[in-house]
Amino acid sequence: MIIKELNCLSSKLIKDIEKLISACNKFDGVEHEINLDEGFNFNKYMNWLFVIYEGDIAVSVLSIFAPRKEEGEISACTLPSYREKGYFKKLYTRAIEELRKYNIPKKLFICPKESKTGKEVIKKNNGIYKFAEYTMKFNKNEFVRLSKYTSKLIEININELDKISKVASVIYNESLEEARSTMKNAIEAKERIQFKLMFQKNDIGMVAVHFYNSKVSIFSVGILPEYRGFGLGREMMCMVLEYLVKNNYGQIFLEVNSDNNIAFKLYKSLGFEVTTEIDYYEK
C-alpha cells in the first residue's frame, strides 16, 4: 500500500483516478464527480488529493474542495473489492490533518442522493444532513436568446485583479484577501475563463466557466446586491451560454443549491434540466 498526498496532479494520476471513479459509479449506479482541478482551492500549497495505490492500481481516493478557508468539501470513493478495509479512514485521517494545518474549521461530506454506500460511510462518521445541490445540464434546444442587452460580458485579465477583487468580496461575501486569492487563481488557471458583467461602465457581476475534457461547468454566478432584480443576471447567463454554444461546447453543466429557488427557476427557463441531486453533510 502506498498513500500519496498531493497538491498537483500528473496526467497519469488523473487517468488512474478517473478509471477508479468510473468503476465506482458503475458499481453503485450513480453519477458522482470528484474534483481533480488543482486551481480551485484558496491555498495552492495545501495538499487536497489523497490516494491509495495497491501496486499500480489506484484503489481509493479522497479530494478536498476548499475555494474559501471557512470550509472544505470532502468527496471520496473506493473500489468495491477494497471496501470495508479501512481505506477511507486512512485517507480521511490525512485529510483532517491537512484541514487543521490550514485552519479550515468546517467539513462537509458530499454524497450523491442515490448512493447507499456513501450514506452509510457518512453515518458512521456522524455526518449531519445540511442541504442539497442540483446538478443541471443545458439543453440548447430549449434556449431562448434575448433580443437585446443592456450590459456587456467581458473576460477579466490579471491587470484588473485589485479592482475586480473588491467587487468579488461583496458579491461572494468574503474578505478582500480571500477574494483576491480566489480571483488570482481563477484568472491564471488555463482551464478556466473568468468573466465580469459591466453595466453603465460599472463592474456589477461575475461568472466563471471551467473546461474539463468534453464538459463545461458554469459557476460562481453573482451580481452585486444593488443590481439584483433587474434582469441583469439573466443577461449575464444568456451571454455566457451564447459564447459556449458559438464555440461548440456541447455538454454544459452548473450546480445550484436546492434552497435557491430564484436561481433554480432562472436556470430552468434558460434550458437547464436537473440530472443529479448531491447531498451535503456537515461533520
Protein backbone atom coordinates (compact mmCIF):
# COMPACT_ATOMS: atom_id res chain seq x y z
CA MET A 1 0.00 0.00 0.00
CA ILE A 2 1.21 3.47 -0.96
CA ILE A 3 -0.57 6.63 0.22
CA LYS A 4 0.02 9.79 -1.79
CA GLU A 5 -0.78 13.34 -0.64
CA LEU A 6 -0.77 15.87 -3.46
CA ASN A 7 -1.47 19.47 -4.45
CA CYS A 8 -0.81 18.99 -8.17
CA LEU A 9 -1.59 16.05 -10.44
CA SER A 10 0.17 14.37 -13.34
CA SER A 11 -1.78 13.27 -16.41
CA LYS A 12 -1.17 9.61 -15.47
CA LEU A 13 -2.53 10.12 -11.97
CA ILE A 14 -5.64 11.83 -13.34
CA LYS A 15 -6.26 8.89 -15.68
CA ASP A 16 -5.80 6.43 -12.80
CA ILE A 17 -8.30 8.29 -10.64
CA GLU A 18 -10.82 8.74 -13.46
CA LYS A 19 -10.70 4.98 -14.00
CA LEU A 20 -11.31 4.44 -10.28
CA ILE A 21 -14.24 6.88 -10.20
CA SER A 22 -15.81 5.32 -13.29
CA ALA A 23 -15.63 1.82 -11.77
CA CYS A 24 -17.22 3.04 -8.52
CA ASN A 25 -20.01 4.91 -10.31
CA LYS A 26 -20.84 1.88 -12.44
CA PHE A 27 -20.97 -0.42 -9.41
CA ASP A 28 -23.01 1.98 -7.26
CA GLY A 29 -25.31 3.12 -10.06
CA VAL A 30 -24.60 6.83 -9.51
CA GLU A 31 -23.09 9.78 -11.34
CA HIS A 32 -20.50 11.22 -8.99
CA GLU A 33 -17.66 13.53 -9.95
CA ILE A 34 -14.67 14.17 -7.72
CA ASN A 35 -12.76 17.43 -8.05
CA LEU A 36 -9.44 16.93 -9.85
CA ASP A 37 -8.71 20.60 -10.55
CA GLU A 38 -5.75 21.93 -8.60
CA GLY A 39 -6.66 25.57 -9.20
CA PHE A 40 -9.85 25.83 -7.15
CA ASN A 41 -8.54 25.82 -3.58
CA PHE A 42 -7.77 29.07 -1.79
CA ASN A 43 -4.22 27.94 -0.92
CA LYS A 44 -2.23 26.34 -3.73
CA TYR A 45 0.24 24.75 -1.29
CA MET A 46 -2.39 22.73 0.57
CA ASN A 47 -2.50 19.02 -0.19
CA TRP A 48 -6.04 18.42 -1.41
CA LEU A 49 -5.89 15.00 -3.08
CA PHE A 50 -5.18 11.78 -1.20
CA VAL A 51 -4.95 8.46 -2.99
CA ILE A 52 -4.07 4.88 -2.07
CA TYR A 53 -2.32 2.61 -4.55
CA GLU A 54 -2.08 -1.15 -4.35
CA GLY A 55 0.67 -1.95 -6.81
CA ASP A 56 -0.08 0.05 -9.96
CA ILE A 57 -3.79 0.39 -9.22
CA ALA A 58 -5.43 3.42 -7.58
CA VAL A 59 -7.95 1.80 -5.22
CA SER A 60 -9.16 4.70 -3.06
CA VAL A 61 -9.23 8.47 -3.43
CA LEU A 62 -10.32 11.48 -1.38
CA SER A 63 -10.49 15.06 -2.62
CA ILE A 64 -10.83 18.33 -0.70
CA PHE A 65 -12.56 21.25 -2.42
CA ALA A 66 -11.82 24.42 -0.43
CA PRO A 67 -12.13 27.60 -2.52
CA ARG A 68 -12.56 29.53 0.74
CA LYS A 69 -10.94 28.93 4.10
CA GLU A 70 -14.23 28.59 6.01
CA GLU A 71 -14.90 25.03 4.87
CA GLY A 72 -13.61 22.03 2.97
CA GLU A 73 -15.89 19.80 0.91
CA ILE A 74 -14.84 16.15 1.02
CA SER A 75 -15.67 13.62 -1.67
CA ALA A 76 -14.24 10.11 -1.93
CA CYS A 77 -14.63 6.66 -3.41
CA THR A 78 -13.04 3.22 -3.06
CA LEU A 79 -13.07 0.31 -5.47
CA PRO A 80 -15.80 -2.17 -4.43
CA SER A 81 -13.38 -5.04 -3.80
CA TYR A 82 -11.33 -2.85 -1.42
CA ARG A 83 -14.18 -1.54 0.72
CA GLU A 84 -14.64 -2.30 4.43
CA LYS A 85 -10.86 -2.45 4.85
CA GLY A 86 -10.22 0.98 6.37
CA TYR A 87 -9.01 2.74 3.21
CA PHE A 88 -11.37 5.69 3.58
CA LYS A 89 -10.45 6.07 7.24
CA LYS A 90 -6.75 6.27 6.36
CA LEU A 91 -7.35 8.96 3.74
CA TYR A 92 -9.84 10.85 5.90
CA THR A 93 -7.35 10.99 8.78
CA ARG A 94 -4.72 12.50 6.47
CA ALA A 95 -7.25 14.97 5.08
CA ILE A 96 -8.34 16.14 8.54
CA GLU A 97 -4.71 16.79 9.47
CA GLU A 98 -4.33 18.95 6.36
CA LEU A 99 -7.52 20.89 7.08
CA ARG A 100 -6.33 21.60 10.62
CA LYS A 101 -2.95 22.70 9.30
CA TYR A 102 -4.64 25.40 7.23
CA ASN A 103 -7.20 26.31 9.92
CA ILE A 104 -10.24 25.21 7.94
CA PRO A 105 -12.93 24.74 10.62
CA LYS A 106 -15.90 23.23 8.79
CA LYS A 107 -16.00 19.88 6.97
CA LEU A 108 -18.73 18.88 4.52
CA PHE A 109 -19.20 15.38 3.10
CA ILE A 110 -20.51 15.25 -0.48
CA CYS A 111 -22.68 12.29 -1.47
CA PRO A 112 -24.98 11.53 -4.43
CA LYS A 113 -28.55 11.13 -3.16
CA GLU A 114 -28.77 7.59 -4.61
CA SER A 115 -25.51 6.37 -3.04
CA LYS A 116 -26.39 3.93 -0.23
CA THR A 117 -22.72 3.11 0.36
CA GLY A 118 -21.76 6.76 0.65
CA LYS A 119 -24.54 7.48 3.13
CA GLU A 120 -23.51 4.51 5.28
CA VAL A 121 -19.93 5.81 5.46
CA ILE A 122 -21.12 9.32 6.32
CA LYS A 123 -23.44 7.96 9.03
CA LYS A 124 -20.52 6.08 10.61
CA ASN A 125 -18.61 9.36 10.69
CA ASN A 126 -21.51 11.23 12.33
CA GLY A 127 -22.30 13.46 9.37
CA ILE A 128 -25.45 15.59 9.72
CA TYR A 129 -27.52 16.42 6.63
CA LYS A 130 -27.43 20.14 5.80
CA PHE A 131 -28.65 20.78 2.25
CA ALA A 132 -28.71 19.51 -1.33
CA GLU A 133 -27.48 20.80 -4.66
CA TYR A 134 -28.85 20.00 -8.09
CA THR A 135 -26.52 19.33 -11.00
CA MET A 136 -28.21 20.72 -14.10
CA LYS A 137 -27.39 20.10 -17.77
CA PHE A 138 -28.01 22.62 -20.54
CA ASN A 139 -30.33 21.72 -23.41
CA LYS A 140 -29.58 24.20 -26.19
CA ASN A 141 -32.83 23.28 -27.96
CA GLU A 142 -34.72 24.90 -25.07
CA PHE A 143 -32.56 28.04 -25.00
CA VAL A 144 -34.26 31.29 -25.99
CA ARG A 145 -31.81 34.11 -26.69
CA LEU A 146 -32.52 37.67 -25.64
CA SER A 147 -33.16 40.14 -28.45
CA LYS A 148 -31.01 42.87 -26.88
CA TYR A 149 -28.67 43.51 -23.95
CA THR A 150 -28.14 46.49 -21.66
CA SER A 151 -24.88 45.08 -20.26
CA LYS A 152 -21.60 43.65 -21.55
CA LEU A 153 -19.80 40.40 -20.72
CA ILE A 154 -16.01 40.84 -20.66
CA GLU A 155 -13.18 38.41 -19.91
CA ILE A 156 -11.12 39.56 -16.92
CA ASN A 157 -7.34 39.92 -17.17
CA ILE A 158 -4.75 39.93 -14.39
CA ASN A 159 -4.27 43.71 -14.60
CA GLU A 160 -7.76 44.14 -13.14
CA LEU A 161 -7.08 41.94 -10.11
CA ASP A 162 -7.18 44.62 -7.40
CA LYS A 163 -10.27 46.35 -8.79
CA ILE A 164 -12.25 43.20 -9.50
CA SER A 165 -11.34 41.65 -6.13
CA LYS A 166 -13.27 44.44 -4.38
CA VAL A 167 -16.35 43.57 -6.42
CA ALA A 168 -15.90 39.84 -5.76
CA SER A 169 -15.60 40.37 -2.00
CA VAL A 170 -19.05 41.99 -1.95
CA ILE A 171 -20.72 39.52 -4.32
CA TYR A 172 -19.42 36.42 -2.53
CA ASN A 173 -19.45 37.93 0.98
CA GLU A 174 -15.81 37.24 1.76
CA SER A 175 -12.78 39.24 2.88
CA LEU A 176 -10.79 41.24 0.34
CA GLU A 177 -7.80 38.96 0.96
CA GLU A 178 -9.83 35.83 0.24
CA ALA A 179 -11.44 37.39 -2.82
CA ARG A 180 -8.08 38.43 -4.22
CA SER A 181 -6.63 34.93 -3.77
CA THR A 182 -9.68 33.29 -5.37
CA MET A 183 -9.74 35.71 -8.30
CA LYS A 184 -6.00 35.38 -8.92
CA ASN A 185 -6.30 31.59 -9.10
CA ALA A 186 -9.30 31.86 -11.42
CA ILE A 187 -7.70 34.34 -13.82
CA GLU A 188 -4.43 32.42 -14.04
CA ALA A 189 -5.99 28.96 -14.46
CA LYS A 190 -5.54 27.66 -18.01
CA GLU A 191 -8.71 25.58 -17.95
CA ARG A 192 -10.96 28.46 -16.83
CA ILE A 193 -12.31 31.76 -18.08
CA GLN A 194 -13.37 34.41 -15.58
CA PHE A 195 -15.91 36.94 -16.85
CA LYS A 196 -17.26 40.19 -15.44
CA LEU A 197 -20.52 41.93 -16.25
CA MET A 198 -20.40 45.65 -16.98
CA PHE A 199 -23.47 47.86 -16.72
CA GLN A 200 -23.29 51.61 -17.34
CA LYS A 201 -19.47 51.44 -17.10
CA ASN A 202 -19.57 49.71 -13.70
CA ASP A 203 -18.42 46.17 -12.86
CA ILE A 204 -21.54 44.66 -11.30
CA GLY A 205 -21.42 40.89 -11.82
CA MET A 206 -19.18 37.86 -12.24
CA VAL A 207 -19.34 34.36 -13.67
CA ALA A 208 -16.74 31.71 -14.50
CA VAL A 209 -16.54 28.69 -16.79
CA HIS A 210 -14.38 25.62 -16.29
CA PHE A 211 -13.35 23.26 -19.08
CA TYR A 212 -12.68 19.59 -18.28
CA ASN A 213 -12.41 17.03 -21.06
CA SER A 214 -15.61 17.43 -23.09
CA LYS A 215 -17.55 19.11 -20.27
CA VAL A 216 -18.00 22.74 -19.32
CA SER A 217 -19.14 23.91 -15.89
CA ILE A 218 -20.58 27.34 -15.17
CA PHE A 219 -20.02 28.50 -11.60
CA SER A 220 -19.57 31.48 -9.24
CA VAL A 221 -22.57 33.28 -10.73
CA GLY A 222 -23.14 36.54 -8.86
CA ILE A 223 -24.49 40.09 -9.13
CA LEU A 224 -23.90 42.99 -6.72
CA PRO A 225 -26.89 43.27 -4.33
CA GLU A 226 -28.00 46.71 -5.53
CA TYR A 227 -28.24 45.47 -9.14
CA ARG A 228 -30.28 42.34 -8.45
CA GLY A 229 -33.87 42.04 -9.58
CA PHE A 230 -33.44 43.93 -12.86
CA GLY A 231 -32.79 41.00 -15.20
CA LEU A 232 -29.02 41.52 -15.33
CA GLY A 233 -28.33 38.01 -14.05
CA ARG A 234 -30.37 36.62 -16.93
CA GLU A 235 -28.43 38.80 -19.38
CA MET A 236 -25.13 37.55 -17.98
CA MET A 237 -26.16 33.91 -18.19
CA CYS A 238 -27.51 34.32 -21.73
CA MET A 239 -24.26 35.88 -22.91
CA VAL A 240 -22.20 33.09 -21.33
CA LEU A 241 -24.38 30.44 -22.96
CA GLU A 242 -24.23 32.17 -26.34
CA TYR A 243 -20.43 32.22 -26.06
CA LEU A 244 -20.28 28.50 -25.26
CA VAL A 245 -22.78 27.49 -27.95
CA LYS A 246 -20.97 29.62 -30.54
CA ASN A 247 -17.72 27.82 -29.69
CA ASN A 248 -19.38 24.39 -29.96
CA TYR A 249 -19.20 23.32 -26.32
CA GLY A 250 -21.81 20.57 -26.17
CA GLN A 251 -22.02 19.42 -22.55
CA ILE A 252 -22.66 22.40 -20.30
CA PHE A 253 -23.42 21.97 -16.59
CA LEU A 254 -23.95 24.01 -13.45
CA GLU A 255 -24.89 23.40 -9.83
CA VAL A 256 -27.49 25.20 -7.75
CA ASN A 257 -28.49 24.97 -4.09
CA SER A 258 -31.92 23.36 -3.77
CA ASP A 259 -32.98 26.24 -1.48
CA ASN A 260 -32.15 28.90 -4.08
CA ASN A 261 -35.49 28.93 -5.85
CA ILE A 262 -34.82 32.18 -7.74
CA ALA A 263 -31.64 30.83 -9.36
CA PHE A 264 -33.25 27.43 -9.97
CA LYS A 265 -36.17 28.99 -11.85
CA LEU A 266 -33.78 31.16 -13.88
CA TYR A 267 -31.67 28.18 -14.95
CA LYS A 268 -34.77 26.14 -15.81
CA SER A 269 -36.05 28.96 -18.00
CA LEU A 270 -32.71 29.06 -19.83
CA GLY A 271 -32.87 25.39 -20.78
CA PHE A 272 -31.15 23.62 -17.88
CA GLU A 273 -32.55 20.33 -16.60
CA VAL A 274 -31.80 18.50 -13.34
CA THR A 275 -29.64 15.40 -13.81
CA THR A 276 -28.35 14.64 -10.31
CA GLU A 277 -29.01 15.59 -6.70
CA ILE A 278 -25.99 15.84 -4.40
CA ASP A 279 -26.45 15.84 -0.62
CA TYR A 280 -24.16 17.71 1.78
CA TYR A 281 -23.47 16.56 5.32
CA GLU A 282 -21.60 18.51 7.99
CA LYS A 283 -19.15 16.85 10.34
